[in-house]
């Protein structure tokens, strides 16, 4: 394999171009083969996962970022479906030259299991009965959502995710990914979330669920093909939506403004009209609208199951979050929102403290906003700045090849040459029996040995080897390659043991083309 010696310059890592929209995108689906086992021990068959993909995977599929959606979100995170007037829910940060740059990364977003936007959930047909599951659908957890995502990721041939990102319940999935599958996640971005639901958060979920189950049309969850429990579902959405806003944002958007400038005609508010859906203030009309439109796009039973999964979420172990996060290895960015009272900043700070206590590289940032919890969907400038900066801080360890090939000093030139040809590599680190770096041999060295009729590998080894550490910035590796006109570097640890290789090709594959 020919490895280019043209080393990309990092000064143009982000070109400064304005972000662009993706245009028309389409949804895809994947059916998990066999039986899918849930955390409860129950099983599902023919589980379907709806997903969308933006951008292209590089050859070794090391540039994949998984986006996890919030409570009532879906797989449509960016771009437009045919006929859409509005783009996907996180379009502000996904696309060319945006934080999740689709010219450099391959972005995947899937609808969670238990949802109602293409993935298997309560409204799906039970293959055993031929009827919708309804409340016969088994209880699901955040762990189940992540396990289903893992099946999709594996199906796509991705062995390790460059990053996992999400806000609110999406942030919970991010945390769970790094706990359940630490070896599969290099970077994690958790926004406006918590490591365990608090009593207040559980209380809001309980009120919303009761609003649905107390609606006579809910009918014990058996309303498919009949009138849906629209009144209860709308009320649940109205309650939930209040928690997504802030007092300041509601004051700014509505104040005490009323529907009619002249104010209410109190004599006309009779005992007959008052209990009805009489709304005088603009904020009342707004919430009614939010509730009404929600019933047209979401399933009531899915709302019950998903909010309960959020309530169950708790990553602490033996009442210790530090212990619960002890196996995490991913580099973290945790972002909170100053005006978020649903998942207030102190909960994000607790996550960072627990990660730091475990030696994890965790960075804490705050978005200053009056939008409340919903700021993670609205604050385009701050989100792009923080996420872009975090993703661009690439270390050698983020892109090095851990499955590298090496030789010992006693190896023959013929065997070294054969290994290079079979494995299509141009560089072989020479290591001792205990794995320490002793030198390097290249395809050029082999060519020279043949021309000069040299038989011993030891005679052509380069002993003055340039190397890097896994914690070095990728710019350091790029600079060494450029200065010494080489296209690969061994990566060593503090004891001089070789732990990987980084090549100009691996850098180029991640960064893509530069302007």
Protein backbone atom coordinates (compact mmCIF):
# COMPACT_ATOMS: atom_id res chain seq x y z
CA UNK A 1 0.00 0.00 0.00
CA UNK A 2 1.44 3.33 -1.04
CA UNK A 3 1.46 5.82 1.83
CA UNK A 4 1.63 9.42 0.73
CA UNK A 5 4.32 11.66 2.17
CA UNK A 6 2.16 14.72 1.61
CA UNK A 7 1.41 15.69 5.20
CA UNK A 8 -1.74 17.81 5.62
CA UNK A 9 -1.37 21.16 7.36
CA UNK A 10 -3.54 21.62 10.44
CA UNK A 11 -3.81 25.37 10.22
CA UNK A 12 -6.85 24.88 7.99
CA UNK A 13 -8.49 22.19 10.11
CA UNK A 14 -11.57 24.39 10.18
CA UNK A 15 -11.72 26.57 7.14
CA UNK A 16 -13.95 29.23 8.65
CA UNK A 17 -16.58 28.73 5.96
CA UNK A 18 -20.18 29.24 6.94
CA UNK A 19 -22.04 26.04 7.76
CA UNK A 20 -24.22 24.61 5.02
CA UNK A 21 -27.36 22.49 5.02
CA UNK A 22 -27.30 18.89 3.86
CA UNK A 23 -30.24 19.12 1.48
CA UNK A 24 -32.50 16.10 0.97
CA UNK A 25 -31.75 13.07 3.18
CA UNK A 26 -33.51 9.76 3.62
CA UNK A 27 -34.22 7.36 6.44
CA UNK A 28 -33.08 3.74 6.46
CA UNK A 29 -33.85 0.81 8.70
CA UNK A 30 -32.14 -2.27 10.06
CA UNK A 31 -33.73 -5.37 11.56
CA UNK A 32 -31.71 -6.92 14.36
CA UNK A 33 -31.40 -10.65 13.57
CA UNK A 34 -32.57 -13.22 16.07
CA UNK A 35 -33.72 -12.46 19.60
CA UNK A 36 -32.97 -9.12 21.28
CA UNK A 37 -32.65 -9.50 25.05
CA UNK A 38 -33.64 -6.59 27.28
CA UNK A 39 -32.17 -5.58 30.62
CA UNK A 40 -35.33 -6.92 32.30
CA UNK A 41 -34.64 -10.38 30.92
CA UNK A 42 -37.59 -10.17 28.51
CA UNK A 43 -36.95 -10.61 24.80
CA UNK A 44 -38.13 -9.14 21.51
CA UNK A 45 -37.84 -10.51 18.01
CA UNK A 46 -37.59 -8.75 14.65
CA UNK A 47 -36.52 -5.52 16.32
CA UNK A 48 -36.34 -2.73 13.78
CA UNK A 49 -34.08 0.32 14.09
CA UNK A 50 -34.76 3.44 12.01
CA UNK A 51 -31.69 5.54 11.29
CA UNK A 52 -30.18 8.23 9.10
CA UNK A 53 -26.60 8.71 7.97
CA UNK A 54 -24.90 11.92 6.88
CA UNK A 55 -21.44 12.08 5.32
CA UNK A 56 -19.26 9.13 4.35
CA UNK A 57 -17.24 6.64 6.36
CA UNK A 58 -13.52 6.67 5.72
CA UNK A 59 -11.84 3.37 4.71
CA UNK A 60 -11.25 2.14 8.27
CA UNK A 61 -14.57 3.58 9.53
CA UNK A 62 -12.81 5.55 12.25
CA UNK A 63 -14.64 8.84 11.58
CA UNK A 64 -18.13 7.78 12.73
CA UNK A 65 -20.05 9.89 15.25
CA UNK A 66 -23.27 8.62 16.81
CA UNK A 67 -25.91 11.22 17.69
CA UNK A 68 -28.44 10.27 20.40
CA UNK A 69 -31.79 12.04 20.43
CA UNK A 70 -33.79 13.39 23.35
CA UNK A 71 -37.12 12.21 24.80
CA UNK A 72 -39.47 12.83 21.86
CA UNK A 73 -36.84 13.10 19.12
CA UNK A 74 -36.15 10.76 16.25
CA UNK A 75 -33.56 9.66 13.70
CA UNK A 76 -34.11 12.74 11.52
CA UNK A 77 -31.37 14.92 13.03
CA UNK A 78 -30.39 17.03 10.01
CA UNK A 79 -31.23 17.87 6.42
CA UNK A 80 -34.66 17.75 4.85
CA UNK A 81 -36.99 14.94 3.94
CA UNK A 82 -38.77 15.46 0.64
CA UNK A 83 -41.57 17.97 1.21
CA UNK A 84 -40.28 19.12 4.61
CA UNK A 85 -40.51 22.80 5.51
CA UNK A 86 -38.23 22.40 8.51
CA UNK A 87 -34.92 20.49 8.77
CA UNK A 88 -33.97 17.80 11.28
CA UNK A 89 -33.96 18.61 14.99
CA UNK A 90 -30.17 19.26 15.30
CA UNK A 91 -29.60 20.78 11.89
CA UNK A 92 -27.83 23.75 13.50
CA UNK A 93 -24.75 21.63 14.31
CA UNK A 94 -24.79 18.87 11.66
CA UNK A 95 -23.67 19.51 8.10
CA UNK A 96 -20.74 20.81 6.01
CA UNK A 97 -18.52 23.18 8.02
CA UNK A 98 -20.65 22.81 11.15
CA UNK A 99 -19.50 21.28 14.44
CA UNK A 100 -20.40 17.78 13.25
CA UNK A 101 -18.81 18.37 9.87
CA UNK A 102 -20.19 15.92 7.34
CA UNK A 103 -17.23 16.55 5.05
CA UNK A 104 -14.96 14.98 7.67
CA UNK A 105 -17.21 12.78 9.80
CA UNK A 106 -19.90 10.22 9.12
CA UNK A 107 -22.85 11.07 11.37
CA UNK A 108 -25.39 8.42 12.39
CA UNK A 109 -28.60 9.02 14.31
CA UNK A 110 -31.13 6.30 15.12
CA UNK A 111 -34.58 6.32 16.64
CA UNK A 112 -34.52 4.63 20.04
CA UNK A 113 -36.11 1.28 20.74
CA UNK A 114 -39.47 1.97 22.40
CA UNK A 115 -40.01 4.99 20.16
CA UNK A 116 -42.65 5.56 17.51
CA UNK A 117 -40.66 6.99 14.62
CA UNK A 118 -39.71 3.81 12.80
CA UNK A 119 -38.00 1.79 15.53
CA UNK A 120 -39.78 -1.03 17.34
CA UNK A 121 -42.01 0.25 20.14
CA UNK A 122 -45.46 -0.17 21.71
CA UNK A 123 -47.22 0.89 18.49
CA UNK A 124 -45.32 -1.72 16.44
CA UNK A 125 -46.92 -4.99 15.39
CA UNK A 126 -46.11 -7.89 17.67
CA UNK A 127 -44.99 -10.67 15.28
CA UNK A 128 -46.48 -13.29 17.62
CA UNK A 129 -50.00 -11.81 17.66
CA UNK A 130 -50.18 -9.71 14.50
CA UNK A 131 -51.51 -6.82 16.61
CA UNK A 132 -49.83 -3.73 18.12
CA UNK A 133 -47.92 -4.45 21.31
CA UNK A 134 -49.63 -1.75 23.35
CA UNK A 135 -48.76 -2.15 27.01
CA UNK A 136 -47.74 -5.75 26.45
CA UNK A 137 -44.50 -4.23 25.21
CA UNK A 138 -41.81 -5.01 27.81
CA UNK A 139 -40.28 -2.35 30.04
CA UNK A 140 -37.25 -0.68 28.45
CA UNK A 141 -34.26 1.19 29.88
CA UNK A 142 -31.52 3.49 28.63
CA UNK A 143 -29.30 0.38 28.61
CA UNK A 144 -31.69 -1.28 26.14
CA UNK A 145 -31.62 1.78 23.89
CA UNK A 146 -27.82 1.73 23.83
CA UNK A 147 -27.65 -2.02 23.26
CA UNK A 148 -29.91 -1.65 20.21
CA UNK A 149 -27.71 1.17 18.90
CA UNK A 150 -24.67 -1.05 19.35
CA UNK A 151 -26.29 -3.71 17.17
CA UNK A 152 -26.79 -1.10 14.45
CA UNK A 153 -23.22 0.20 14.76
CA UNK A 154 -21.83 -3.33 14.50
CA UNK A 155 -24.04 -4.03 11.49
CA UNK A 156 -22.50 -1.00 9.78
CA UNK A 157 -19.04 -2.45 10.41
CA UNK A 158 -17.92 0.17 12.92
CA UNK A 159 -15.63 -1.20 15.62
CA UNK A 160 -15.07 2.04 17.49
CA UNK A 161 -16.98 5.32 17.44
CA UNK A 162 -14.97 8.51 17.11
CA UNK A 163 -17.59 10.20 19.29
CA UNK A 164 -21.05 9.82 20.81
CA UNK A 165 -23.07 12.99 21.43
CA UNK A 166 -26.50 13.99 22.65
CA UNK A 167 -28.51 16.26 24.89
CA UNK A 168 -31.08 15.59 27.63
CA UNK A 169 -32.08 11.92 27.35
CA UNK A 170 -29.57 11.77 24.51
CA UNK A 171 -26.92 12.74 27.04
CA UNK A 172 -28.01 9.83 29.23
CA UNK A 173 -27.40 7.51 26.30
CA UNK A 174 -23.95 9.05 25.83
CA UNK A 175 -23.10 8.34 29.46
CA UNK A 176 -24.45 4.81 29.21
CA UNK A 177 -22.42 4.13 26.05
CA UNK A 178 -19.17 4.99 27.83
CA UNK A 179 -20.12 2.80 30.82
CA UNK A 180 -21.44 -0.21 28.88
CA UNK A 181 -18.92 -0.16 26.02
CA UNK A 182 -15.92 1.94 27.07
CA UNK A 183 -13.66 0.40 24.43
CA UNK A 184 -16.01 1.51 21.65
CA UNK A 185 -16.07 5.25 22.36
CA UNK A 186 -13.15 7.64 21.93
CA UNK A 187 -14.94 10.91 22.71
CA UNK A 188 -18.21 11.70 24.45
CA UNK A 189 -20.32 14.87 24.45
CA UNK A 190 -23.08 14.96 27.06
CA UNK A 191 -25.26 18.08 27.08
CA UNK A 192 -27.90 19.26 29.57
CA UNK A 193 -28.26 15.89 31.23
CA UNK A 194 -27.83 13.93 34.44
CA UNK A 195 -26.29 10.67 35.63
CA UNK A 196 -29.42 9.81 37.62
CA UNK A 197 -32.96 11.15 37.62
CA UNK A 198 -33.84 13.18 40.70
CA UNK A 199 -37.16 12.97 42.61
CA UNK A 200 -38.31 16.25 41.04
CA UNK A 201 -37.56 14.98 37.53
CA UNK A 202 -39.35 11.71 38.29
CA UNK A 203 -42.32 13.69 39.65
CA UNK A 204 -42.81 15.61 36.39
CA UNK A 205 -42.67 12.34 34.45
CA UNK A 206 -45.25 10.79 36.76
CA UNK A 207 -47.71 13.67 36.25
CA UNK A 208 -47.37 13.39 32.49
CA UNK A 209 -47.99 9.64 32.55
CA UNK A 210 -51.04 10.04 34.78
CA UNK A 211 -52.48 12.60 32.40
CA UNK A 212 -52.33 9.95 29.68
CA UNK A 213 -53.56 6.95 31.66
CA UNK A 214 -56.45 8.96 33.17
CA UNK A 215 -57.71 9.80 29.69
CA UNK A 216 -60.67 7.40 29.12
CA UNK A 217 -59.60 6.99 25.49
CA UNK A 218 -56.28 5.52 26.60
CA UNK A 219 -58.33 2.35 27.23
CA UNK A 220 -55.59 0.49 29.05
CA UNK A 221 -53.21 1.16 26.17
CA UNK A 222 -55.51 -0.50 23.64
CA UNK A 223 -56.47 2.50 21.50
CA UNK A 224 -54.83 1.58 18.18
CA UNK A 225 -57.36 1.80 15.36
CA UNK A 226 -59.60 3.87 17.64
CA UNK A 227 -59.59 7.41 18.99
CA UNK A 228 -56.26 8.18 20.60
CA UNK A 229 -55.98 9.64 24.13
CA UNK A 230 -55.26 13.05 22.63
CA UNK A 231 -56.36 15.09 25.62
CA UNK A 232 -54.11 13.23 28.06
CA UNK A 233 -51.13 13.17 25.69
CA UNK A 234 -51.50 16.89 24.96
CA UNK A 235 -51.58 17.65 28.69
CA UNK A 236 -48.49 15.51 29.26
CA UNK A 237 -46.68 17.45 26.56
CA UNK A 238 -47.76 20.79 28.00
CA UNK A 239 -46.42 19.82 31.43
CA UNK A 240 -43.16 18.57 29.96
CA UNK A 241 -42.74 21.58 27.70
CA UNK A 242 -42.87 23.99 30.64
CA UNK A 243 -39.80 22.25 32.10
CA UNK A 244 -37.90 22.80 28.83
CA UNK A 245 -38.28 26.59 29.07
CA UNK A 246 -37.13 29.12 31.66
CA UNK A 247 -38.89 31.92 33.49
CA UNK A 248 -36.74 34.45 31.63
CA UNK A 249 -37.48 32.98 28.20
CA UNK A 250 -41.23 32.84 28.90
CA UNK A 251 -41.16 36.40 30.19
CA UNK A 252 -39.37 37.55 27.06
CA UNK A 253 -41.55 35.56 24.65
CA UNK A 254 -44.95 36.09 26.28
CA UNK A 255 -44.77 38.32 29.33
CA UNK A 256 -48.31 38.82 30.54
CA UNK A 257 -49.54 39.55 27.04
CA UNK A 258 -53.07 38.47 26.30
CA UNK A 259 -54.65 37.26 23.10
CA UNK A 260 -56.57 40.50 22.69
CA UNK A 261 -54.89 43.81 23.41
CA UNK A 262 -57.99 45.16 25.14
CA UNK A 263 -57.71 42.46 27.76
CA UNK A 264 -60.34 39.98 28.92
CA UNK A 265 -64.00 40.85 28.86
CA UNK A 266 -64.64 39.49 32.35
CA UNK A 267 -68.46 39.68 32.20
CA UNK A 268 -68.38 37.30 29.20
CA UNK A 269 -66.44 34.66 31.14
CA UNK A 270 -69.48 32.84 32.41
CA UNK A 271 -69.67 29.74 34.55
CA UNK A 272 -70.35 27.83 31.36
CA UNK A 273 -67.37 29.04 29.36
CA UNK A 274 -64.76 29.31 32.10
CA UNK A 275 -64.20 25.57 32.70
CA UNK A 276 -63.93 25.09 28.95
CA UNK A 277 -60.73 25.64 26.98
CA UNK A 278 -60.81 29.36 27.54
CA UNK A 279 -57.30 30.80 27.06
CA UNK A 280 -56.66 34.46 27.48
CA UNK A 281 -52.91 34.71 27.92
CA UNK A 282 -50.57 34.10 25.00
CA UNK A 283 -48.60 31.55 27.00
CA UNK A 284 -51.81 29.51 27.41
CA UNK A 285 -52.42 29.54 23.68
CA UNK A 286 -48.81 28.56 23.05
CA UNK A 287 -48.98 25.56 25.37
CA UNK A 288 -52.30 24.46 23.90
CA UNK A 289 -50.73 24.59 20.44
CA UNK A 290 -47.71 22.58 21.61
CA UNK A 291 -49.95 19.93 23.11
CA UNK A 292 -52.22 19.71 20.11
CA UNK A 293 -49.45 19.37 17.51
CA UNK A 294 -47.64 16.80 19.65
CA UNK A 295 -50.59 14.40 19.52
CA UNK A 296 -50.28 14.31 15.73
CA UNK A 297 -46.69 13.07 15.77
CA UNK A 298 -46.18 10.96 18.88
CA UNK A 299 -47.61 7.79 20.38
CA UNK A 300 -49.03 7.97 23.90
CA UNK A 301 -47.75 4.54 24.92
CA UNK A 302 -44.25 5.37 23.70
CA UNK A 303 -44.38 8.46 25.90
CA UNK A 304 -45.21 6.26 28.90
CA UNK A 305 -42.38 3.81 28.24
CA UNK A 306 -39.69 6.35 27.41
CA UNK A 307 -40.38 8.67 30.37
CA UNK A 308 -40.26 5.63 32.66
CA UNK A 309 -36.89 4.64 31.17
CA UNK A 310 -35.62 8.12 32.05
CA UNK A 311 -36.93 7.71 35.61
CA UNK A 312 -35.08 4.39 36.00
CA UNK A 313 -31.79 5.89 34.82
CA UNK A 314 -29.10 5.85 37.53
CA UNK A 315 -25.43 5.26 36.82
CA UNK A 316 -24.32 5.30 40.44
CA UNK A 317 -23.04 2.05 41.89
CA UNK A 318 -23.30 1.36 45.60
CA UNK A 319 -24.61 4.94 45.90
CA UNK A 320 -21.39 6.22 44.32
CA UNK A 321 -21.25 7.92 40.92
CA UNK A 322 -17.47 7.70 41.05
CA UNK A 323 -17.72 3.92 41.28
CA UNK A 324 -20.41 3.85 38.61
CA UNK A 325 -18.18 5.70 36.14
CA UNK A 326 -14.97 3.89 37.12
CA UNK A 327 -14.64 2.02 33.82
CA UNK A 328 -15.01 5.04 31.53
CA UNK A 329 -12.07 5.73 29.21
CA UNK A 330 -13.55 8.18 26.68
CA UNK A 331 -12.46 11.79 26.61
CA UNK A 332 -15.43 13.88 27.77
CA UNK A 333 -17.05 17.24 27.09
CA UNK A 334 -19.93 17.92 29.48
CA UNK A 335 -22.05 20.99 28.74
CA UNK A 336 -24.74 22.49 30.94
CA UNK A 337 -27.08 25.46 30.41
CA UNK A 338 -27.15 28.31 32.91
CA UNK A 339 -30.96 28.67 32.88
CA UNK A 340 -31.78 24.94 32.76
CA UNK A 341 -33.87 24.02 35.79
CA UNK A 342 -34.85 20.57 34.51
CA UNK A 343 -31.23 19.36 34.46
CA UNK A 344 -29.45 22.19 36.28
CA UNK A 345 -25.69 22.81 35.97
CA UNK A 346 -24.83 21.18 39.30
CA UNK A 347 -25.82 17.79 37.86
CA UNK A 348 -23.37 18.20 34.96
CA UNK A 349 -20.70 19.29 37.43
CA UNK A 350 -21.29 16.11 39.45
CA UNK A 351 -20.65 14.06 36.30
CA UNK A 352 -17.39 15.90 35.60
CA UNK A 353 -16.25 15.52 39.22
CA UNK A 354 -16.88 11.76 39.15
CA UNK A 355 -15.10 11.37 35.81
CA UNK A 356 -12.14 13.43 36.98
CA UNK A 357 -11.91 11.36 40.16
CA UNK A 358 -11.45 8.34 37.89
CA UNK A 359 -8.65 10.01 35.95
CA UNK A 360 -10.82 10.64 32.89
CA UNK A 361 -10.03 13.66 30.73
CA UNK A 362 -13.28 15.58 31.25
CA UNK A 363 -13.96 19.19 30.33
CA UNK A 364 -16.88 21.21 31.68
CA UNK A 365 -18.51 24.07 29.80
CA UNK A 366 -21.64 26.16 30.27
CA UNK A 367 -23.90 27.61 27.61
CA UNK A 368 -25.08 31.02 28.74
CA UNK A 369 -28.67 31.27 27.62
CA UNK A 370 -32.14 32.34 28.70
CA UNK A 371 -33.79 29.57 26.67
CA UNK A 372 -33.69 27.05 29.52
CA UNK A 373 -33.27 23.33 28.80
CA UNK A 374 -34.17 23.81 25.12
CA UNK A 375 -31.01 25.86 24.61
CA UNK A 376 -29.19 22.70 23.48
CA UNK A 377 -31.47 22.79 20.42
CA UNK A 378 -31.29 26.54 19.85
CA UNK A 379 -27.93 28.09 20.77
CA UNK A 380 -26.27 27.60 17.38
CA UNK A 381 -23.19 29.76 17.93
CA UNK A 382 -22.18 28.48 21.35
CA UNK A 383 -22.85 24.84 20.48
CA UNK A 384 -20.82 24.95 17.28
CA UNK A 385 -17.96 26.70 19.03
CA UNK A 386 -17.76 24.29 21.99
CA UNK A 387 -18.31 21.05 20.06
CA UNK A 388 -16.03 22.02 17.18
CA UNK A 389 -13.24 22.92 19.58
CA UNK A 390 -13.60 19.64 21.44
CA UNK A 391 -13.65 17.46 18.34
CA UNK A 392 -10.70 19.28 16.79
CA UNK A 393 -8.47 18.56 19.80
CA UNK A 394 -7.29 15.33 18.25
CA UNK A 395 -4.54 13.39 19.96
CA UNK A 396 -2.29 10.75 18.48
CA UNK A 397 -4.11 8.12 20.53
CA UNK A 398 -7.38 9.07 18.79
CA UNK A 399 -6.22 7.93 15.36
CA UNK A 400 -3.30 5.55 15.88
CA UNK A 401 -3.50 1.97 14.63
CA UNK A 402 -3.33 -0.40 17.58
CA UNK A 403 -3.24 -3.50 15.39
CA UNK A 404 0.18 -2.88 13.88
CA UNK A 405 2.80 -5.27 12.53
CA UNK A 406 6.37 -5.45 13.82
CA UNK A 407 9.57 -7.50 13.51
CA UNK A 408 12.50 -8.41 15.72
CA UNK A 409 16.18 -7.68 14.95
CA UNK A 410 16.79 -11.36 14.25
CA UNK A 411 14.16 -11.49 11.49
CA UNK A 412 15.33 -12.11 7.92
CA UNK A 413 15.02 -9.49 5.23
CA UNK A 414 13.00 -11.94 3.15
CA UNK A 415 10.43 -12.44 5.91
CA UNK A 416 10.22 -8.71 6.62
CA UNK A 417 9.68 -8.05 2.92
CA UNK A 418 7.00 -10.74 2.68
CA UNK A 419 5.20 -9.28 5.71
CA UNK A 420 5.18 -5.82 4.14
CA UNK A 421 3.75 -7.14 0.90
CA UNK A 422 1.08 -9.31 2.53
CA UNK A 423 -0.04 -6.67 5.03
CA UNK A 424 0.43 -3.76 2.63
CA UNK A 425 2.50 -1.65 5.01
CA UNK A 426 5.60 0.44 4.34
CA UNK A 427 6.91 0.65 7.91
CA UNK A 428 7.72 -2.05 10.46
CA UNK A 429 8.84 -1.08 13.94
CA UNK A 430 11.64 -3.29 15.26
CA UNK A 431 10.90 -4.31 18.84
CA UNK A 432 12.63 -6.30 21.54
CA UNK A 433 11.19 -9.31 23.30
CA UNK A 434 9.59 -7.08 25.93
CA UNK A 435 8.02 -4.84 23.27
CA UNK A 436 10.43 -1.91 23.45
CA UNK A 437 11.27 0.11 20.37
CA UNK A 438 14.72 -0.66 18.93
CA UNK A 439 14.39 0.80 15.46
CA UNK A 440 12.34 0.84 12.30
CA UNK A 441 12.63 -0.68 8.84
CA UNK A 442 10.90 0.70 5.76
CA UNK A 443 10.16 -0.56 2.26
CA UNK A 444 12.94 1.76 1.05
CA UNK A 445 15.37 -0.01 3.39
CA UNK A 446 14.32 -3.37 1.95
CA UNK A 447 14.85 -2.09 -1.59
CA UNK A 448 18.30 -0.80 -0.66
CA UNK A 449 19.20 -4.13 0.95
CA UNK A 450 18.29 -6.02 -2.22
CA UNK A 451 20.27 -3.62 -4.37
CA UNK A 452 23.33 -3.81 -2.11
CA UNK A 453 22.94 -7.56 -1.52
CA UNK A 454 22.61 -7.14 2.25
CA UNK A 455 21.24 -10.25 3.94
CA UNK A 456 20.82 -9.29 7.58
CA UNK A 457 17.90 -7.12 8.70
CA UNK A 458 20.01 -5.77 11.56
CA UNK A 459 22.27 -4.04 9.06
CA UNK A 460 19.53 -1.87 7.54
CA UNK A 461 17.54 -0.91 10.63
CA UNK A 462 17.17 2.82 11.32
CA UNK A 463 17.96 3.19 15.02
CA UNK A 464 17.48 6.94 15.35
CA UNK A 465 13.71 6.60 15.24
CA UNK A 466 11.29 9.50 15.43
CA UNK A 467 8.28 8.64 17.58
CA UNK A 468 5.34 10.15 19.42
CA UNK A 469 3.29 9.42 22.53
CA UNK A 470 -0.44 8.68 22.47
CA UNK A 471 -1.14 11.86 24.45
CA UNK A 472 0.68 14.11 21.97
CA UNK A 473 -1.38 16.44 19.83
CA UNK A 474 -1.85 15.26 16.29
CA UNK A 475 -0.19 18.47 15.12
CA UNK A 476 3.01 17.22 16.76
CA UNK A 477 2.97 14.02 14.71
CA UNK A 478 2.12 15.94 11.56
CA UNK A 479 4.98 18.36 12.13
CA UNK A 480 7.53 15.56 12.66
CA UNK A 481 6.39 13.78 9.52
CA UNK A 482 6.57 16.99 7.51
CA UNK A 483 9.99 18.05 8.85
CA UNK A 484 11.64 14.66 8.34
CA UNK A 485 9.75 13.66 5.17
CA UNK A 486 8.40 10.46 6.68
CA UNK A 487 4.90 9.05 6.50
CA UNK A 488 4.59 6.91 9.65
CA UNK A 489 5.59 7.13 13.30
CA UNK A 490 5.67 4.52 16.09
CA UNK A 491 3.62 5.43 19.15
CA UNK A 492 5.30 4.50 22.43
CA UNK A 493 4.40 4.56 26.11
CA UNK A 494 6.45 5.88 29.03
CA UNK A 495 8.52 2.67 29.11
CA UNK A 496 9.46 2.86 25.42
CA UNK A 497 7.09 0.05 24.46
CA UNK A 498 5.41 0.34 21.07
CA UNK A 499 1.63 0.61 21.44
CA UNK A 500 0.63 1.70 17.94
CA UNK A 501 1.43 3.40 14.65
CA UNK A 502 0.20 6.68 13.24
CA UNK A 503 0.44 7.42 9.53
CA UNK A 504 -0.14 10.38 7.25
CA UNK A 505 -2.91 8.31 5.72
CA UNK A 506 -4.74 7.99 9.05
CA UNK A 507 -4.48 11.76 9.54
CA UNK A 508 -5.77 12.49 6.06
CA UNK A 509 -8.60 9.98 6.42
CA UNK A 510 -9.91 11.80 9.47
CA UNK A 511 -9.39 15.35 8.38
CA UNK A 512 -10.36 14.98 4.74
CA UNK A 513 -9.45 17.50 2.10
CA UNK A 514 -8.38 21.00 2.94
CA UNK A 515 -9.19 24.19 1.19
